[in-house]
Amino acid sequence: MTIDMHRETATILQFPLQPRLRLEGGKTIAGGYERAVVVVDTCWYHEEAVRDATPKPERPKPC
């Protein structure tokens, strides 16, 4: 049983300041970021489910 209490610490890696693209042969070249498609959804079905689950306040009964 080893009694050594030496622990490895995390290694901090420097990310490249400019984006790079990797080619098939393993070489890298300076390149831009890839653009992603953005989809906006209003989630109407979620809002409706929350509205249906919310208890409705009771109205006083008419005299």
PDB file of N, CA and C in Angstrom:
ATOM      1  N   MET A   1       0.846  -1.163   0.000  1.00  0.00           N
ATOM      2  CA  MET A   1       0.000   0.000   0.000  1.00  0.00           C
ATOM      3  C   MET A   1       0.898   1.236   0.000  1.00  0.00           C
ATOM      4  N   THR A   2       0.626   2.163  -0.890  1.00  0.00           N
ATOM      5  CA  THR A   2       1.441   3.362  -1.007  1.00  0.00           C
ATOM      6  C   THR A   2       0.907   4.451  -0.088  1.00  0.00           C
ATOM      7  N   ILE A   3       1.804   5.115   0.604  1.00  0.00           N
ATOM      8  CA  ILE A   3       1.403   6.178   1.526  1.00  0.00           C
ATOM      9  C   ILE A   3       1.681   7.549   0.915  1.00  0.00           C
ATOM     10  N   ASP A   4       2.105   7.609  -0.311  1.00  0.00           N
ATOM     11  CA  ASP A   4       2.466   8.869  -0.966  1.00  0.00           C
ATOM     12  C   ASP A   4       1.233   9.758  -1.104  1.00  0.00           C
ATOM     13  N   MET A   5       1.313  10.989  -0.619  1.00  0.00           N
ATOM     14  CA  MET A   5       0.185  11.917  -0.668  1.00  0.00           C
ATOM     15  C   MET A   5       0.333  12.953  -1.771  1.00  0.00           C
ATOM     16  N   HIS A   6       1.237  12.740  -2.712  1.00  0.00           N
ATOM     17  CA  HIS A   6       1.432  13.695  -3.810  1.00  0.00           C
ATOM     18  C   HIS A   6       0.272  13.564  -4.790  1.00  0.00           C
ATOM     19  N   ARG A   7      -0.391  14.697  -5.070  1.00  0.00           N
ATOM     20  CA  ARG A   7      -1.519  14.692  -6.008  1.00  0.00           C
ATOM     21  C   ARG A   7      -1.149  15.512  -7.234  1.00  0.00           C
ATOM     22  N   GLU A   8      -1.583  15.051  -8.366  1.00  0.00           N
ATOM     23  CA  GLU A   8      -1.376  15.800  -9.602  1.00  0.00           C
ATOM     24  C   GLU A   8      -2.325  16.988  -9.612  1.00  0.00           C
ATOM     25  N   THR A   9      -1.850  18.125 -10.090  1.00  0.00           N
ATOM     26  CA  THR A   9      -2.713  19.289 -10.211  1.00  0.00           C
ATOM     27  C   THR A   9      -3.178  19.410 -11.654  1.00  0.00           C
ATOM     28  N   ALA A  10      -4.179  20.205 -11.860  1.00  0.00           N
ATOM     29  CA  ALA A  10      -4.726  20.395 -13.208  1.00  0.00           C
ATOM     30  C   ALA A  10      -3.720  21.131 -14.077  1.00  0.00           C
ATOM     31  N   THR A  11      -3.714  20.789 -15.350  1.00  0.00           N
ATOM     32  CA  THR A  11      -2.862  21.463 -16.308  1.00  0.00           C
ATOM     33  C   THR A  11      -3.699  22.475 -17.066  1.00  0.00           C
ATOM     34  N   ILE A  12      -3.244  23.712 -17.118  1.00  0.00           N
ATOM     35  CA  ILE A  12      -3.962  24.760 -17.840  1.00  0.00           C
ATOM     36  C   ILE A  12      -3.381  24.849 -19.237  1.00  0.00           C
ATOM     37  N   LEU A  13      -4.234  24.677 -20.235  1.00  0.00           N
ATOM     38  CA  LEU A  13      -3.810  24.719 -21.632  1.00  0.00           C
ATOM     39  C   LEU A  13      -4.185  26.053 -22.245  1.00  0.00           C
ATOM     40  N   GLN A  14      -3.287  26.650 -23.000  1.00  0.00           N
ATOM     41  CA  GLN A  14      -3.546  27.912 -23.684  1.00  0.00           C
ATOM     42  C   GLN A  14      -4.276  27.617 -24.993  1.00  0.00           C
ATOM     43  N   PHE A  15      -5.442  28.189 -25.158  1.00  0.00           N
ATOM     44  CA  PHE A  15      -6.157  28.037 -26.416  1.00  0.00           C
ATOM     45  C   PHE A  15      -5.581  29.004 -27.433  1.00  0.00           C
ATOM     46  N   PRO A  16      -5.621  28.634 -28.708  1.00  0.00           N
ATOM     47  CA  PRO A  16      -5.115  29.549 -29.728  1.00  0.00           C
ATOM     48  C   PRO A  16      -5.943  30.829 -29.760  1.00  0.00           C
ATOM     49  N   LEU A  17      -5.265  31.945 -29.963  1.00  0.00           N
ATOM     50  CA  LEU A  17      -5.965  33.219 -30.000  1.00  0.00           C
ATOM     51  C   LEU A  17      -6.737  33.396 -31.301  1.00  0.00           C
ATOM     52  N   GLN A  18      -6.255  32.784 -32.370  1.00  0.00           N
ATOM     53  CA  GLN A  18      -6.959  32.857 -33.649  1.00  0.00           C
ATOM     54  C   GLN A  18      -7.503  31.474 -33.983  1.00  0.00           C
ATOM     55  N   PRO A  19      -8.713  31.406 -34.509  1.00  0.00           N
ATOM     56  CA  PRO A  19      -9.273  30.098 -34.852  1.00  0.00           C
ATOM     57  C   PRO A  19      -8.470  29.437 -35.973  1.00  0.00           C
ATOM     58  N   ARG A  20      -8.395  28.102 -35.903  1.00  0.00           N
ATOM     59  CA  ARG A  20      -7.651  27.364 -36.918  1.00  0.00           C
ATOM     60  C   ARG A  20      -8.525  26.222 -37.427  1.00  0.00           C
ATOM     61  N   LEU A  21      -8.303  25.828 -38.667  1.00  0.00           N
ATOM     62  CA  LEU A  21      -9.015  24.708 -39.274  1.00  0.00           C
ATOM     63  C   LEU A  21      -8.037  23.557 -39.485  1.00  0.00           C
ATOM     64  N   ARG A  22      -8.468  22.334 -39.169  1.00  0.00           N
ATOM     65  CA  ARG A  22      -7.619  21.165 -39.376  1.00  0.00           C
ATOM     66  C   ARG A  22      -7.950  20.550 -40.734  1.00  0.00           C
ATOM     67  N   LEU A  23      -6.916  20.323 -41.528  1.00  0.00           N
ATOM     68  CA  LEU A  23      -7.087  19.716 -42.844  1.00  0.00           C
ATOM     69  C   LEU A  23      -6.997  18.200 -42.721  1.00  0.00           C
ATOM     70  N   GLU A  24      -7.249  17.481 -43.830  1.00  0.00           N
ATOM     71  CA  GLU A  24      -7.257  16.023 -43.805  1.00  0.00           C
ATOM     72  C   GLU A  24      -5.913  15.437 -43.380  1.00  0.00           C
ATOM     73  N   GLY A  25      -4.801  16.029 -43.801  1.00  0.00           N
ATOM     74  CA  GLY A  25      -3.488  15.491 -43.484  1.00  0.00           C
ATOM     75  C   GLY A  25      -3.027  15.795 -42.070  1.00  0.00           C
ATOM     76  N   GLY A  26      -3.824  16.471 -41.286  1.00  0.00           N
ATOM     77  CA  GLY A  26      -3.452  16.810 -39.929  1.00  0.00           C
ATOM     78  C   GLY A  26      -2.878  18.207 -39.806  1.00  0.00           C
ATOM     79  N   LYS A  27      -2.639  18.875 -40.932  1.00  0.00           N
ATOM     80  CA  LYS A  27      -2.120  20.233 -40.884  1.00  0.00           C
ATOM     81  C   LYS A  27      -3.232  21.181 -40.455  1.00  0.00           C
ATOM     82  N   THR A  28      -2.841  22.304 -39.879  1.00  0.00           N
ATOM     83  CA  THR A  28      -3.823  23.315 -39.514  1.00  0.00           C
ATOM     84  C   THR A  28      -3.497  24.616 -40.237  1.00  0.00           C
ATOM     85  N   ILE A  29      -4.547  25.333 -40.583  1.00  0.00           N
ATOM     86  CA  ILE A  29      -4.391  26.634 -41.230  1.00  0.00           C
ATOM     87  C   ILE A  29      -5.269  27.632 -40.498  1.00  0.00           C
ATOM     88  N   ALA A  30      -4.908  28.904 -40.627  1.00  0.00           N
ATOM     89  CA  ALA A  30      -5.738  29.944 -40.012  1.00  0.00           C
ATOM     90  C   ALA A  30      -7.091  29.954 -40.706  1.00  0.00           C
ATOM     91  N   GLY A  31      -8.151  30.040 -39.943  1.00  0.00           N
ATOM     92  CA  GLY A  31      -9.488  30.029 -40.527  1.00  0.00           C
ATOM     93  C   GLY A  31     -10.470  30.740 -39.634  1.00  0.00           C
ATOM     94  N   GLY A  32     -11.654  30.897 -40.121  1.00  0.00           N
ATOM     95  CA  GLY A  32     -12.694  31.579 -39.360  1.00  0.00           C
ATOM     96  C   GLY A  32     -13.551  30.595 -38.608  1.00  0.00           C
ATOM     97  N   TYR A  33     -14.409  31.133 -37.785  1.00  0.00           N
ATOM     98  CA  TYR A  33     -15.352  30.297 -37.057  1.00  0.00           C
ATOM     99  C   TYR A  33     -16.441  29.825 -38.002  1.00  0.00           C
ATOM    100  N   GLU A  34     -16.923  28.598 -37.753  1.00  0.00           N
ATOM    101  CA  GLU A  34     -18.056  28.118 -38.532  1.00  0.00           C
ATOM    102  C   GLU A  34     -19.321  28.758 -37.978  1.00  0.00           C
ATOM    103  N   ARG A  35     -20.219  29.105 -38.836  1.00  0.00           N
ATOM    104  CA  ARG A  35     -21.450  29.753 -38.391  1.00  0.00           C
ATOM    105  C   ARG A  35     -22.521  28.699 -38.156  1.00  0.00           C
ATOM    106  N   ALA A  36     -23.303  28.926 -37.145  1.00  0.00           N
ATOM    107  CA  ALA A  36     -24.380  28.001 -36.805  1.00  0.00           C
ATOM    108  C   ALA A  36     -25.717  28.631 -37.164  1.00  0.00           C
ATOM    109  N   VAL A  37     -26.660  27.787 -37.514  1.00  0.00           N
ATOM    110  CA  VAL A  37     -28.011  28.245 -37.816  1.00  0.00           C
ATOM    111  C   VAL A  37     -28.743  28.464 -36.499  1.00  0.00           C
ATOM    112  N   VAL A  38     -29.390  29.591 -36.364  1.00  0.00           N
ATOM    113  CA  VAL A  38     -30.126  29.909 -35.146  1.00  0.00           C
ATOM    114  C   VAL A  38     -31.611  29.740 -35.422  1.00  0.00           C
ATOM    115  N   VAL A  39     -32.274  28.989 -34.543  1.00  0.00           N
ATOM    116  CA  VAL A  39     -33.704  28.755 -34.682  1.00  0.00           C
ATOM    117  C   VAL A  39     -34.392  29.361 -33.464  1.00  0.00           C
ATOM    118  N   VAL A  40     -35.381  30.205 -33.713  1.00  0.00           N
ATOM    119  CA  VAL A  40     -36.123  30.835 -32.615  1.00  0.00           C
ATOM    120  C   VAL A  40     -37.512  30.218 -32.579  1.00  0.00           C
ATOM    121  N   ASP A  41     -37.879  29.716 -31.417  1.00  0.00           N
ATOM    122  CA  ASP A  41     -39.187  29.090 -31.251  1.00  0.00           C
ATOM    123  C   ASP A  41     -39.859  29.721 -30.038  1.00  0.00           C
ATOM    124  N   THR A  42     -41.123  30.030 -30.149  1.00  0.00           N
ATOM    125  CA  THR A  42     -41.819  30.682 -29.044  1.00  0.00           C
ATOM    126  C   THR A  42     -42.323  29.699 -28.003  1.00  0.00           C
ATOM    127  N   CYS A  43     -42.282  28.420 -28.272  1.00  0.00           N
ATOM    128  CA  CYS A  43     -42.719  27.369 -27.337  1.00  0.00           C
ATOM    129  C   CYS A  43     -44.148  27.618 -26.850  1.00  0.00           C
ATOM    130  N   TRP A  44     -45.044  27.881 -27.767  1.00  0.00           N
ATOM    131  CA  TRP A  44     -46.421  28.188 -27.403  1.00  0.00           C
ATOM    132  C   TRP A  44     -47.060  27.048 -26.618  1.00  0.00           C
ATOM    133  N   TYR A  45     -46.686  25.811 -26.946  1.00  0.00           N
ATOM    134  CA  TYR A  45     -47.301  24.671 -26.275  1.00  0.00           C
ATOM    135  C   TYR A  45     -46.873  24.625 -24.801  1.00  0.00           C
ATOM    136  N   HIS A  46     -45.657  25.030 -24.511  1.00  0.00           N
ATOM    137  CA  HIS A  46     -45.190  25.062 -23.126  1.00  0.00           C
ATOM    138  C   HIS A  46     -45.924  26.157 -22.352  1.00  0.00           C
ATOM    139  N   GLU A  47     -46.035  27.328 -22.949  1.00  0.00           N
ATOM    140  CA  GLU A  47     -46.732  28.431 -22.292  1.00  0.00           C
ATOM    141  C   GLU A  47     -48.190  28.066 -22.028  1.00  0.00           C
ATOM    142  N   GLU A  48     -48.820  27.376 -22.974  1.00  0.00           N
ATOM    143  CA  GLU A  48     -50.220  26.984 -22.796  1.00  0.00           C
ATOM    144  C   GLU A  48     -50.349  25.944 -21.684  1.00  0.00           C
ATOM    145  N   ALA A  49     -49.416  25.007 -21.598  1.00  0.00           N
ATOM    146  CA  ALA A  49     -49.453  23.991 -20.543  1.00  0.00           C
ATOM    147  C   ALA A  49     -49.273  24.627 -19.175  1.00  0.00           C
ATOM    148  N   VAL A  50     -48.395  25.603 -19.064  1.00  0.00           N
ATOM    149  CA  VAL A  50     -48.199  26.303 -17.791  1.00  0.00           C
ATOM    150  C   VAL A  50     -49.459  27.073 -17.421  1.00  0.00           C
ATOM    151  N   ARG A  51     -50.072  27.716 -18.405  1.00  0.00           N
ATOM    152  CA  ARG A  51     -51.292  28.477 -18.138  1.00  0.00           C
ATOM    153  C   ARG A  51     -52.414  27.546 -17.683  1.00  0.00           C
ATOM    154  N   ASP A  52     -52.527  26.357 -18.300  1.00  0.00           N
ATOM    155  CA  ASP A  52     -53.574  25.411 -17.905  1.00  0.00           C
ATOM    156  C   ASP A  52     -53.313  24.837 -16.506  1.00  0.00           C
ATOM    157  N   ALA A  53     -52.064  24.685 -16.127  1.00  0.00           N
ATOM    158  CA  ALA A  53     -51.722  24.098 -14.831  1.00  0.00           C
ATOM    159  C   ALA A  53     -51.815  25.106 -13.693  1.00  0.00           C
ATOM    160  N   THR A  54     -51.835  26.388 -14.021  1.00  0.00           N
ATOM    161  CA  THR A  54     -51.913  27.414 -12.996  1.00  0.00           C
ATOM    162  C   THR A  54     -53.328  27.446 -12.428  1.00  0.00           C
ATOM    163  N   PRO A  55     -53.464  27.338 -11.093  1.00  0.00           N
ATOM    164  CA  PRO A  55     -54.814  27.370 -10.518  1.00  0.00           C
ATOM    165  C   PRO A  55     -55.465  28.734 -10.739  1.00  0.00           C
ATOM    166  N   LYS A  56     -56.716  28.692 -11.119  1.00  0.00           N
ATOM    167  CA  LYS A  56     -57.442  29.935 -11.384  1.00  0.00           C
ATOM    168  C   LYS A  56     -58.031  30.457 -10.067  1.00  0.00           C
ATOM    169  N   PRO A  57     -57.942  31.757  -9.846  1.00  0.00           N
ATOM    170  CA  PRO A  57     -58.509  32.293  -8.604  1.00  0.00           C
ATOM    171  C   PRO A  57     -60.026  32.117  -8.588  1.00  0.00           C
ATOM    172  N   GLU A  58     -60.548  31.797  -7.403  1.00  0.00           N
ATOM    173  CA  GLU A  58     -61.997  31.597  -7.295  1.00  0.00           C
ATOM    174  C   GLU A  58     -62.686  32.942  -7.207  1.00  0.00           C
ATOM    175  N   ARG A  59     -63.775  33.051  -7.979  1.00  0.00           N
ATOM    176  CA  ARG A  59     -64.558  34.280  -7.956  1.00  0.00           C
ATOM    177  C   ARG A  59     -65.615  34.169  -6.865  1.00  0.00           C
ATOM    178  N   PRO A  60     -65.906  35.268  -6.217  1.00  0.00           N
ATOM    179  CA  PRO A  60     -66.984  35.192  -5.213  1.00  0.00           C
ATOM    180  C   PRO A  60     -68.330  34.907  -5.909  1.00  0.00           C
ATOM    181  N   LYS A  61     -69.145  34.127  -5.244  1.00  0.00           N
ATOM    182  CA  LYS A  61     -70.444  33.770  -5.827  1.00  0.00           C
ATOM    183  C   LYS A  61     -71.379  34.970  -5.739  1.00  0.00           C
ATOM    184  N   PRO A  62     -72.179  35.197  -6.769  1.00  0.00           N
ATOM    185  CA  PRO A  62     -73.131  36.320  -6.719  1.00  0.00           C
ATOM    186  C   PRO A  62     -74.220  36.043  -5.673  1.00  0.00           C
ATOM    187  N   CYS A  63     -74.706  37.067  -5.090  1.00  0.00           N
ATOM    188  CA  CYS A  63     -75.747  36.941  -4.041  1.00  0.00           C
ATOM    189  C   CYS A  63     -77.090  36.699  -4.636  1.00  0.00           C
TER     190      CYS A  63
END
